[in-house]
All heavy atoms as atom14 arrays in JSON, in Angstrom:
{
  "sequence": "KQNGAKAVYVCATHGVLSGSAIEKLRNAPIDQLAITD",
  "atom14_mask": [
    [1, 1, 1, 1, 1, 1, 1, 1, 1, 0, 0, 0, 0, 0],
    [1, 1, 1, 1, 1, 1, 1, 1, 1, 0, 0, 0, 0, 0],
    [1, 1, 1, 1, 1, 1, 1, 1, 0, 0, 0, 0, 0, 0],
    [1, 1, 1, 1, 0, 0, 0, 0, 0, 0, 0, 0, 0, 0],
    [1, 1, 1, 1, 1, 0, 0, 0, 0, 0, 0, 0, 0, 0],
    [1, 1, 1, 1, 1, 1, 1, 1, 1, 0, 0, 0, 0, 0],
    [1, 1, 1, 1, 1, 0, 0, 0, 0, 0, 0, 0, 0, 0],
    [1, 1, 1, 1, 1, 1, 1, 0, 0, 0, 0, 0, 0, 0],
    [1, 1, 1, 1, 1, 1, 1, 1, 1, 1, 1, 1, 0, 0],
    [1, 1, 1, 1, 1, 1, 1, 0, 0, 0, 0, 0, 0, 0],
    [1, 1, 1, 1, 1, 1, 0, 0, 0, 0, 0, 0, 0, 0],
    [1, 1, 1, 1, 1, 0, 0, 0, 0, 0, 0, 0, 0, 0],
    [1, 1, 1, 1, 1, 1, 1, 0, 0, 0, 0, 0, 0, 0],
    [1, 1, 1, 1, 1, 1, 1, 1, 1, 1, 0, 0, 0, 0],
    [1, 1, 1, 1, 0, 0, 0, 0, 0, 0, 0, 0, 0, 0],
    [1, 1, 1, 1, 1, 1, 1, 0, 0, 0, 0, 0, 0, 0],
    [1, 1, 1, 1, 1, 1, 1, 1, 0, 0, 0, 0, 0, 0],
    [1, 1, 1, 1, 1, 1, 0, 0, 0, 0, 0, 0, 0, 0],
    [1, 1, 1, 1, 0, 0, 0, 0, 0, 0, 0, 0, 0, 0],
    [1, 1, 1, 1, 1, 1, 0, 0, 0, 0, 0, 0, 0, 0],
    [1, 1, 1, 1, 1, 0, 0, 0, 0, 0, 0, 0, 0, 0],
    [1, 1, 1, 1, 1, 1, 1, 1, 0, 0, 0, 0, 0, 0],
    [1, 1, 1, 1, 1, 1, 1, 1, 1, 0, 0, 0, 0, 0],
    [1, 1, 1, 1, 1, 1, 1, 1, 1, 0, 0, 0, 0, 0],
    [1, 1, 1, 1, 1, 1, 1, 1, 0, 0, 0, 0, 0, 0],
    [1, 1, 1, 1, 1, 1, 1, 1, 1, 1, 1, 0, 0, 0],
    [1, 1, 1, 1, 1, 1, 1, 1, 0, 0, 0, 0, 0, 0],
    [1, 1, 1, 1, 1, 0, 0, 0, 0, 0, 0, 0, 0, 0],
    [1, 1, 1, 1, 1, 1, 1, 0, 0, 0, 0, 0, 0, 0],
    [1, 1, 1, 1, 1, 1, 1, 1, 0, 0, 0, 0, 0, 0],
    [1, 1, 1, 1, 1, 1, 1, 1, 0, 0, 0, 0, 0, 0],
    [1, 1, 1, 1, 1, 1, 1, 1, 1, 0, 0, 0, 0, 0],
    [1, 1, 1, 1, 1, 1, 1, 1, 0, 0, 0, 0, 0, 0],
    [1, 1, 1, 1, 1, 0, 0, 0, 0, 0, 0, 0, 0, 0],
    [1, 1, 1, 1, 1, 1, 1, 1, 0, 0, 0, 0, 0, 0],
    [1, 1, 1, 1, 1, 1, 1, 0, 0, 0, 0, 0, 0, 0],
    [1, 1, 1, 1, 1, 1, 1, 1, 0, 0, 0, 0, 0, 0]
  ],
  "atom14_positions": [
    [[110.24, 101.72, 82.62], [110.18, 100.38, 83.13], [111.05, 99.35, 82.23], [111.64, 98.47, 82.88], [108.68, 99.9, 83.08], [107.81, 100.41, 84.21], [108.38, 99.96, 85.46], [107.42, 100.11, 86.61], [107.79, 99.57, 87.87], [0.0, 0.0, 0.0], [0.0, 0.0, 0.0], [0.0, 0.0, 0.0], [0.0, 0.0, 0.0], [0.0, 0.0, 0.0]],
    [[111.12, 99.46, 80.94], [111.95, 98.67, 80.13], [113.5, 98.92, 80.45], [114.22, 98.01, 80.29], [111.82, 99.08, 78.64], [110.47, 98.56, 78.04], [110.12, 99.22, 76.75], [110.86, 100.01, 76.24], [108.94, 98.98, 76.26], [0.0, 0.0, 0.0], [0.0, 0.0, 0.0], [0.0, 0.0, 0.0], [0.0, 0.0, 0.0], [0.0, 0.0, 0.0]],
    [[113.78, 100.09, 81.06], [115.15, 100.34, 81.46], [115.4, 100.01, 82.99], [116.4, 100.6, 83.46], [115.61, 101.72, 80.98], [115.79, 101.85, 79.49], [116.89, 101.55, 79.14], [114.76, 102.25, 78.72], [0.0, 0.0, 0.0], [0.0, 0.0, 0.0], [0.0, 0.0, 0.0], [0.0, 0.0, 0.0], [0.0, 0.0, 0.0], [0.0, 0.0, 0.0]],
    [[114.38, 99.38, 83.57], [114.7, 98.94, 84.92], [114.34, 99.91, 86.05], [114.71, 99.66, 87.2], [0.0, 0.0, 0.0], [0.0, 0.0, 0.0], [0.0, 0.0, 0.0], [0.0, 0.0, 0.0], [0.0, 0.0, 0.0], [0.0, 0.0, 0.0], [0.0, 0.0, 0.0], [0.0, 0.0, 0.0], [0.0, 0.0, 0.0], [0.0, 0.0, 0.0]],
    [[113.42, 100.85, 85.73], [113.09, 101.66, 86.92], [112.22, 100.87, 87.94], [111.43, 100.09, 87.54], [112.15, 102.91, 86.34], [0.0, 0.0, 0.0], [0.0, 0.0, 0.0], [0.0, 0.0, 0.0], [0.0, 0.0, 0.0], [0.0, 0.0, 0.0], [0.0, 0.0, 0.0], [0.0, 0.0, 0.0], [0.0, 0.0, 0.0], [0.0, 0.0, 0.0]],
    [[112.48, 101.09, 89.16], [111.81, 100.34, 90.17], [110.43, 100.99, 90.66], [109.61, 100.32, 91.17], [112.62, 100.12, 91.46], [112.82, 101.27, 92.35], [113.7, 100.75, 93.61], [114.09, 101.91, 94.5], [114.91, 101.41, 95.59], [0.0, 0.0, 0.0], [0.0, 0.0, 0.0], [0.0, 0.0, 0.0], [0.0, 0.0, 0.0], [0.0, 0.0, 0.0]],
    [[110.32, 102.24, 90.31], [108.99, 102.91, 90.52], [108.91, 104.04, 89.6], [109.94, 104.72, 89.27], [108.85, 103.49, 91.88], [0.0, 0.0, 0.0], [0.0, 0.0, 0.0], [0.0, 0.0, 0.0], [0.0, 0.0, 0.0], [0.0, 0.0, 0.0], [0.0, 0.0, 0.0], [0.0, 0.0, 0.0], [0.0, 0.0, 0.0], [0.0, 0.0, 0.0]],
    [[107.61, 104.34, 89.15], [107.42, 105.54, 88.21], [106.29, 106.25, 88.7], [105.22, 105.86, 88.92], [107.17, 104.99, 86.78], [106.85, 106.11, 85.82], [108.26, 104.18, 86.19], [0.0, 0.0, 0.0], [0.0, 0.0, 0.0], [0.0, 0.0, 0.0], [0.0, 0.0, 0.0], [0.0, 0.0, 0.0], [0.0, 0.0, 0.0], [0.0, 0.0, 0.0]],
    [[106.53, 107.62, 88.88], [105.54, 108.59, 89.29], [105.34, 109.62, 88.2], [106.39, 109.79, 87.43], [105.96, 109.4, 90.57], [106.37, 108.42, 91.67], [107.68, 107.98, 91.86], [105.4, 107.96, 92.61], [107.96, 107.19, 92.83], [105.8, 107.23, 93.63], [107.15, 106.78, 93.79], [107.42, 105.92, 94.84], [0.0, 0.0, 0.0], [0.0, 0.0, 0.0]],
    [[104.16, 109.98, 87.93], [103.9, 111.0, 86.86], [103.34, 112.18, 87.54], [102.4, 112.19, 88.38], [102.94, 110.44, 85.8], [102.68, 111.43, 84.75], [103.61, 109.18, 85.08], [0.0, 0.0, 0.0], [0.0, 0.0, 0.0], [0.0, 0.0, 0.0], [0.0, 0.0, 0.0], [0.0, 0.0, 0.0], [0.0, 0.0, 0.0], [0.0, 0.0, 0.0]],
    [[103.73, 113.36, 87.09], [103.18, 114.65, 87.48], [102.84, 115.5, 86.25], [103.47, 115.61, 85.32], [104.22, 115.44, 88.31], [104.64, 114.72, 89.91], [0.0, 0.0, 0.0], [0.0, 0.0, 0.0], [0.0, 0.0, 0.0], [0.0, 0.0, 0.0], [0.0, 0.0, 0.0], [0.0, 0.0, 0.0], [0.0, 0.0, 0.0], [0.0, 0.0, 0.0]],
    [[101.67, 116.06, 86.34], [101.18, 116.91, 85.25], [100.32, 118.12, 85.82], [99.57, 117.81, 86.72], [100.35, 116.2, 84.22], [0.0, 0.0, 0.0], [0.0, 0.0, 0.0], [0.0, 0.0, 0.0], [0.0, 0.0, 0.0], [0.0, 0.0, 0.0], [0.0, 0.0, 0.0], [0.0, 0.0, 0.0], [0.0, 0.0, 0.0], [0.0, 0.0, 0.0]],
    [[100.64, 119.32, 85.12], [99.81, 120.4, 85.74], [98.29, 120.33, 85.35], [97.42, 120.43, 86.23], [100.33, 121.7, 85.2], [101.67, 121.85, 85.4], [99.58, 122.93, 85.62], [0.0, 0.0, 0.0], [0.0, 0.0, 0.0], [0.0, 0.0, 0.0], [0.0, 0.0, 0.0], [0.0, 0.0, 0.0], [0.0, 0.0, 0.0], [0.0, 0.0, 0.0]],
    [[98.0, 119.89, 84.14], [96.67, 119.76, 83.66], [96.27, 118.41, 83.26], [96.91, 117.86, 82.34], [96.41, 120.73, 82.52], [96.8, 122.12, 82.79], [96.17, 122.89, 83.72], [97.81, 122.88, 82.12], [96.76, 124.13, 83.65], [97.75, 124.09, 82.78], [0.0, 0.0, 0.0], [0.0, 0.0, 0.0], [0.0, 0.0, 0.0], [0.0, 0.0, 0.0]],
    [[95.33, 117.75, 83.9], [94.87, 116.4, 83.64], [93.68, 116.54, 82.68], [92.53, 116.42, 83.11], [0.0, 0.0, 0.0], [0.0, 0.0, 0.0], [0.0, 0.0, 0.0], [0.0, 0.0, 0.0], [0.0, 0.0, 0.0], [0.0, 0.0, 0.0], [0.0, 0.0, 0.0], [0.0, 0.0, 0.0], [0.0, 0.0, 0.0], [0.0, 0.0, 0.0]],
    [[93.87, 116.81, 81.4], [92.84, 116.83, 80.45], [92.12, 115.52, 80.23], [90.92, 115.39, 80.24], [93.34, 117.41, 79.1], [92.29, 117.41, 77.97], [94.02, 118.65, 79.16], [0.0, 0.0, 0.0], [0.0, 0.0, 0.0], [0.0, 0.0, 0.0], [0.0, 0.0, 0.0], [0.0, 0.0, 0.0], [0.0, 0.0, 0.0], [0.0, 0.0, 0.0]],
    [[92.89, 114.47, 80.13], [92.42, 113.08, 80.11], [91.25, 112.78, 79.07], [90.3, 112.4, 79.43], [92.1, 112.62, 81.58], [93.11, 112.81, 82.55], [92.6, 112.45, 83.96], [94.4, 112.16, 82.27], [0.0, 0.0, 0.0], [0.0, 0.0, 0.0], [0.0, 0.0, 0.0], [0.0, 0.0, 0.0], [0.0, 0.0, 0.0], [0.0, 0.0, 0.0]],
    [[91.59, 113.16, 77.89], [90.63, 112.93, 76.8], [90.68, 111.64, 76.06], [91.66, 110.8, 76.28], [90.62, 114.12, 75.86], [91.97, 114.08, 75.14], [0.0, 0.0, 0.0], [0.0, 0.0, 0.0], [0.0, 0.0, 0.0], [0.0, 0.0, 0.0], [0.0, 0.0, 0.0], [0.0, 0.0, 0.0], [0.0, 0.0, 0.0], [0.0, 0.0, 0.0]],
    [[89.64, 111.24, 75.32], [89.73, 110.01, 74.58], [89.82, 108.73, 75.45], [89.18, 108.61, 76.5], [0.0, 0.0, 0.0], [0.0, 0.0, 0.0], [0.0, 0.0, 0.0], [0.0, 0.0, 0.0], [0.0, 0.0, 0.0], [0.0, 0.0, 0.0], [0.0, 0.0, 0.0], [0.0, 0.0, 0.0], [0.0, 0.0, 0.0], [0.0, 0.0, 0.0]],
    [[90.8, 107.95, 75.05], [91.12, 106.67, 75.82], [92.2, 106.92, 76.92], [92.74, 105.9, 77.3], [91.53, 105.54, 74.83], [92.75, 106.02, 74.07], [0.0, 0.0, 0.0], [0.0, 0.0, 0.0], [0.0, 0.0, 0.0], [0.0, 0.0, 0.0], [0.0, 0.0, 0.0], [0.0, 0.0, 0.0], [0.0, 0.0, 0.0], [0.0, 0.0, 0.0]],
    [[92.34, 108.15, 77.24], [93.52, 108.38, 78.23], [93.39, 107.6, 79.53], [94.29, 106.9, 80.08], [93.5, 109.79, 78.6], [0.0, 0.0, 0.0], [0.0, 0.0, 0.0], [0.0, 0.0, 0.0], [0.0, 0.0, 0.0], [0.0, 0.0, 0.0], [0.0, 0.0, 0.0], [0.0, 0.0, 0.0], [0.0, 0.0, 0.0], [0.0, 0.0, 0.0]],
    [[92.12, 107.52, 80.17], [91.91, 106.82, 81.3], [92.15, 105.31, 81.15], [92.95, 104.7, 82.07], [90.43, 106.98, 81.87], [90.33, 108.41, 82.38], [90.11, 106.04, 83.02], [91.22, 108.88, 83.51], [0.0, 0.0, 0.0], [0.0, 0.0, 0.0], [0.0, 0.0, 0.0], [0.0, 0.0, 0.0], [0.0, 0.0, 0.0], [0.0, 0.0, 0.0]],
    [[91.82, 104.74, 80.09], [92.13, 103.3, 79.87], [93.63, 103.07, 79.73], [94.25, 102.16, 80.27], [91.39, 102.83, 78.61], [91.26, 101.36, 78.57], [90.65, 100.68, 79.63], [89.62, 101.28, 80.18], [90.95, 99.54, 80.11], [0.0, 0.0, 0.0], [0.0, 0.0, 0.0], [0.0, 0.0, 0.0], [0.0, 0.0, 0.0], [0.0, 0.0, 0.0]],
    [[94.24, 103.97, 78.96], [95.84, 103.81, 78.92], [96.52, 103.82, 80.21], [97.43, 103.21, 80.55], [96.34, 104.92, 77.99], [95.97, 104.72, 76.53], [96.48, 105.98, 75.7], [95.83, 105.9, 74.37], [96.22, 107.24, 73.64], [0.0, 0.0, 0.0], [0.0, 0.0, 0.0], [0.0, 0.0, 0.0], [0.0, 0.0, 0.0], [0.0, 0.0, 0.0]],
    [[95.96, 104.86, 81.05], [96.73, 105.08, 82.4], [96.31, 103.95, 83.28], [97.16, 103.6, 84.11], [96.15, 106.43, 82.95], [96.62, 107.69, 82.22], [95.82, 108.95, 82.67], [98.13, 107.85, 82.34], [0.0, 0.0, 0.0], [0.0, 0.0, 0.0], [0.0, 0.0, 0.0], [0.0, 0.0, 0.0], [0.0, 0.0, 0.0], [0.0, 0.0, 0.0]],
    [[95.02, 103.43, 83.17], [94.67, 102.3, 84.1], [95.58, 101.04, 83.86], [95.9, 100.36, 84.66], [93.26, 101.93, 83.75], [92.69, 100.62, 84.63], [91.28, 100.4, 84.29], [90.36, 101.34, 84.96], [89.59, 102.15, 84.31], [89.47, 102.11, 82.97], [88.86, 103.0, 84.89], [0.0, 0.0, 0.0], [0.0, 0.0, 0.0], [0.0, 0.0, 0.0]],
    [[96.0, 100.9, 82.56], [96.85, 99.75, 82.25], [98.34, 99.98, 82.32], [99.12, 99.09, 82.06], [96.48, 99.28, 80.79], [95.02, 98.78, 80.8], [94.49, 98.11, 81.65], [94.32, 99.15, 79.75], [0.0, 0.0, 0.0], [0.0, 0.0, 0.0], [0.0, 0.0, 0.0], [0.0, 0.0, 0.0], [0.0, 0.0, 0.0], [0.0, 0.0, 0.0]],
    [[98.73, 101.19, 82.51], [100.14, 101.53, 82.62], [100.76, 101.25, 83.98], [100.04, 101.35, 85.03], [100.38, 102.95, 82.28], [0.0, 0.0, 0.0], [0.0, 0.0, 0.0], [0.0, 0.0, 0.0], [0.0, 0.0, 0.0], [0.0, 0.0, 0.0], [0.0, 0.0, 0.0], [0.0, 0.0, 0.0], [0.0, 0.0, 0.0], [0.0, 0.0, 0.0]],
    [[102.06, 100.86, 84.13], [102.66, 100.54, 85.48], [103.04, 101.83, 86.14], [104.24, 102.08, 86.39], [103.74, 99.72, 85.11], [104.13, 100.16, 83.65], [102.96, 100.49, 83.04], [0.0, 0.0, 0.0], [0.0, 0.0, 0.0], [0.0, 0.0, 0.0], [0.0, 0.0, 0.0], [0.0, 0.0, 0.0], [0.0, 0.0, 0.0], [0.0, 0.0, 0.0]],
    [[102.15, 102.69, 86.48], [102.27, 103.87, 87.14], [102.08, 103.72, 88.7], [100.99, 103.3, 89.14], [101.37, 105.01, 86.56], [101.73, 105.27, 85.16], [101.52, 106.4, 87.46], [100.71, 106.16, 84.48], [0.0, 0.0, 0.0], [0.0, 0.0, 0.0], [0.0, 0.0, 0.0], [0.0, 0.0, 0.0], [0.0, 0.0, 0.0], [0.0, 0.0, 0.0]],
    [[103.05, 104.08, 89.47], [102.89, 104.05, 90.96], [101.89, 105.09, 91.49], [101.12, 104.9, 92.41], [104.24, 104.13, 91.66], [105.03, 102.8, 91.44], [105.79, 102.84, 90.46], [104.84, 101.87, 92.12], [0.0, 0.0, 0.0], [0.0, 0.0, 0.0], [0.0, 0.0, 0.0], [0.0, 0.0, 0.0], [0.0, 0.0, 0.0], [0.0, 0.0, 0.0]],
    [[102.13, 106.27, 90.91], [101.22, 107.42, 91.24], [101.21, 108.44, 90.08], [102.23, 108.75, 89.46], [101.65, 108.16, 92.53], [100.74, 109.11, 92.98], [101.16, 109.81, 94.24], [101.93, 110.8, 94.11], [100.65, 109.44, 95.46], [0.0, 0.0, 0.0], [0.0, 0.0, 0.0], [0.0, 0.0, 0.0], [0.0, 0.0, 0.0], [0.0, 0.0, 0.0]],
    [[100.03, 109.08, 89.92], [99.85, 110.18, 88.96], [99.32, 111.33, 89.73], [98.16, 111.31, 90.23], [98.8, 109.75, 87.85], [98.3, 110.88, 86.96], [99.38, 111.62, 86.22], [97.31, 110.2, 85.91], [0.0, 0.0, 0.0], [0.0, 0.0, 0.0], [0.0, 0.0, 0.0], [0.0, 0.0, 0.0], [0.0, 0.0, 0.0], [0.0, 0.0, 0.0]],
    [[100.08, 112.41, 89.8], [99.76, 113.61, 90.46], [99.4, 114.67, 89.48], [100.27, 115.04, 88.63], [100.84, 114.13, 91.37], [0.0, 0.0, 0.0], [0.0, 0.0, 0.0], [0.0, 0.0, 0.0], [0.0, 0.0, 0.0], [0.0, 0.0, 0.0], [0.0, 0.0, 0.0], [0.0, 0.0, 0.0], [0.0, 0.0, 0.0], [0.0, 0.0, 0.0]],
    [[98.17, 115.2, 89.53], [97.64, 116.29, 88.66], [97.04, 117.33, 89.55], [96.63, 117.03, 90.67], [96.67, 115.81, 87.65], [95.44, 115.06, 88.32], [97.2, 114.82, 86.64], [94.33, 114.76, 87.36], [0.0, 0.0, 0.0], [0.0, 0.0, 0.0], [0.0, 0.0, 0.0], [0.0, 0.0, 0.0], [0.0, 0.0, 0.0], [0.0, 0.0, 0.0]],
    [[97.01, 118.55, 89.02], [96.38, 119.62, 89.87], [94.99, 119.65, 89.62], [94.47, 118.96, 88.63], [97.0, 121.04, 89.42], [96.6, 121.4, 88.24], [98.54, 121.0, 89.59], [0.0, 0.0, 0.0], [0.0, 0.0, 0.0], [0.0, 0.0, 0.0], [0.0, 0.0, 0.0], [0.0, 0.0, 0.0], [0.0, 0.0, 0.0], [0.0, 0.0, 0.0]],
    [[94.19, 120.46, 90.3], [92.8, 120.54, 90.26], [92.43, 121.77, 89.23], [91.42, 122.29, 89.35], [92.12, 120.8, 91.53], [92.74, 121.9, 92.35], [93.62, 122.63, 91.9], [92.09, 122.13, 93.43], [0.0, 0.0, 0.0], [0.0, 0.0, 0.0], [0.0, 0.0, 0.0], [0.0, 0.0, 0.0], [0.0, 0.0, 0.0], [0.0, 0.0, 0.0]]
  ]
}
């Protein structure tokens, strides 16, 4: 985003999402986060 990206998508195989991960992700300028089940 600081370098001017107009959209940011995130992909990860494993969404462990421990600790404060959800709060960090909630506040991040992410257009979409795709994780597997």
